[in-house]
Protein backbone atom coordinates (compact mmCIF):
# COMPACT_ATOMS: atom_id res chain seq x y z
CA MET A 1 177.65 131.11 55.37
CA VAL A 2 181.32 130.61 56.28
CA GLU A 3 181.94 129.03 52.88
CA THR A 4 180.36 132.06 51.17
CA LYS A 5 182.53 134.45 53.20
CA ALA A 6 185.66 132.49 52.32
CA TRP A 7 184.69 132.49 48.63
CA PHE A 8 183.97 136.22 48.63
CA SER A 9 187.18 136.96 50.50
CA SER A 10 189.21 135.07 47.89
CA PHE A 11 187.23 136.73 45.08
CA ALA A 12 187.77 140.19 46.58
CA LYS A 13 191.51 139.60 47.15
CA PHE A 14 191.93 138.46 43.54
CA TRP A 15 190.15 141.49 42.06
CA ASP A 16 191.75 143.89 44.53
CA ASN A 17 195.18 142.73 43.38
CA ILE A 18 194.19 143.17 39.74
CA ALA A 19 192.46 146.54 40.25
CA SER A 20 195.45 147.97 42.12
CA SER A 21 197.96 146.91 39.47
CA PRO A 22 199.56 149.20 36.89
CA PHE A 23 198.03 146.94 34.22
CA ALA A 24 194.53 147.90 35.37
CA THR A 25 195.30 151.60 35.04
CA VAL A 26 196.78 151.18 31.57
CA PHE A 27 193.84 148.99 30.57
CA ALA A 28 191.30 151.56 31.80
CA ILE A 29 193.07 154.36 29.94
CA GLY A 30 193.11 152.17 26.84
CA VAL A 31 189.38 151.47 27.09
CA VAL A 32 188.60 155.18 27.44
CA ALA A 33 190.90 156.02 24.52
CA LEU A 34 189.29 153.34 22.35
CA TRP A 35 185.83 154.61 23.28
CA ALA A 36 186.85 158.19 22.40
CA LEU A 37 188.35 157.08 19.09
CA LEU A 38 185.15 155.24 18.21
CA GLY A 39 183.09 158.39 18.78
CA PRO A 40 183.31 159.60 15.18
CA VAL A 41 182.60 156.10 13.86
CA PHE A 42 179.31 156.02 15.79
CA HIS A 43 178.65 159.74 15.16
CA TYR A 44 178.81 160.44 18.90
CA SER A 45 175.40 158.80 19.24
CA ASP A 46 173.41 158.31 22.41
CA THR A 47 174.18 154.59 22.23
CA TRP A 48 177.92 155.33 22.05
CA GLN A 49 177.64 157.41 25.23
CA LEU A 50 175.30 154.95 26.93
CA VAL A 51 177.71 152.04 26.46
CA MET A 52 180.54 153.84 28.28
CA ASN A 53 178.30 155.31 30.99
CA THR A 54 176.66 151.97 31.74
CA THR A 55 179.92 150.03 31.69
CA SER A 56 181.71 152.46 33.97
CA SER A 57 178.76 152.62 36.38
CA VAL A 58 178.52 148.85 36.70
CA ILE A 59 182.27 148.46 37.22
CA THR A 60 182.30 151.27 39.79
CA PHE A 61 179.36 149.75 41.68
CA ILE A 62 181.05 146.35 41.91
CA MET A 63 184.46 147.78 42.81
CA VAL A 64 183.00 149.72 45.75
CA PHE A 65 182.16 146.43 47.46
CA ILE A 66 185.40 144.71 46.51
CA LEU A 67 187.59 147.58 47.69
CA ASN A 68 185.51 148.04 50.84
CA ASN A 69 186.12 144.37 51.66
CA ALA A 70 189.86 144.80 51.10
CA GLN A 71 189.96 147.92 53.26
CA SER A 72 188.01 146.23 56.05
CA ARG A 73 190.31 143.20 55.94
CA ASN A 74 193.41 145.42 56.07
CA THR A 75 191.99 147.54 58.88
CA GLY A 76 191.13 144.41 60.90
CA ALA A 77 194.65 143.07 60.45
CA LEU A 78 196.15 146.40 61.51
CA GLN A 79 193.90 146.55 64.59
CA ALA A 80 194.95 143.01 65.58
CA LYS A 81 198.62 143.95 65.26
CA LEU A 82 198.14 147.09 67.34
CA ASP A 83 196.26 145.10 69.99
CA ALA A 84 199.15 142.61 70.12
CA LEU A 85 201.63 145.45 70.62
CA ILE A 86 199.54 147.03 73.37
CA PHE A 87 199.14 143.66 75.08
CA ALA A 88 202.88 142.96 74.86
CA LEU A 89 203.91 146.23 76.51
CA GLU A 90 203.63 146.10 80.28
CA SER A 91 203.33 149.88 80.58
CA ALA A 92 200.58 150.14 77.94
CA ASP A 93 196.98 150.92 78.82
CA ASN A 94 195.13 147.66 78.10
CA ARG A 95 191.82 149.54 77.87
CA MET A 96 192.91 150.48 74.35
CA ILE A 97 192.73 146.86 73.20
CA ARG A 98 189.74 146.42 70.84
CA VAL A 99 188.79 150.08 71.29
CA GLU A 100 187.33 149.94 67.76
CA ASP A 101 184.53 147.73 69.15
CA LYS A 102 183.49 150.22 71.82
CA THR A 103 180.57 152.62 71.44
CA GLU A 104 181.19 156.22 70.43
CA MET A 105 180.37 157.37 73.95
CA GLU A 106 182.87 154.91 75.47
CA VAL A 107 185.58 156.07 73.08
CA GLN A 108 184.89 159.73 73.86
CA ALA A 109 185.01 159.05 77.62
CA LEU A 110 188.27 157.14 77.22
CA HIS A 111 189.71 159.95 75.11
CA LYS A 112 188.75 162.56 77.73
CA GLU A 113 190.32 160.45 80.48
CA ILE A 114 193.56 159.95 78.56
CA MET A 115 193.81 163.45 77.06
CA PRO A 116 192.26 165.93 79.52
CA THR A 117 191.49 169.37 78.11
CA ASP A 118 192.90 172.63 79.45
CA ASP A 119 189.55 174.07 80.56
């Protein structure tokens, strides 16, 4: 299982770097332009439309998981850095460390305690 996670993490990082590059945007615009230019050649047939719809749906479906992995990895790294800063400051409230792992009710109670309302 760990080996699979490491493989997927490397796979996701690789494709995230490619998908977020200017090359990917230019390539996508080029593919759409080529598809549009081929419309008259294929008489704007159902197959012509189906090819683009299917291709874009499959790519979108896969990219959702890849980008979600990248976002989760980045969020985890940011949370670890914030926890380190909180831990390093003597005057900081250490209850905030790993607050992302608390239940919604615990977070709400902590928020009310830290930021009392003017009722």
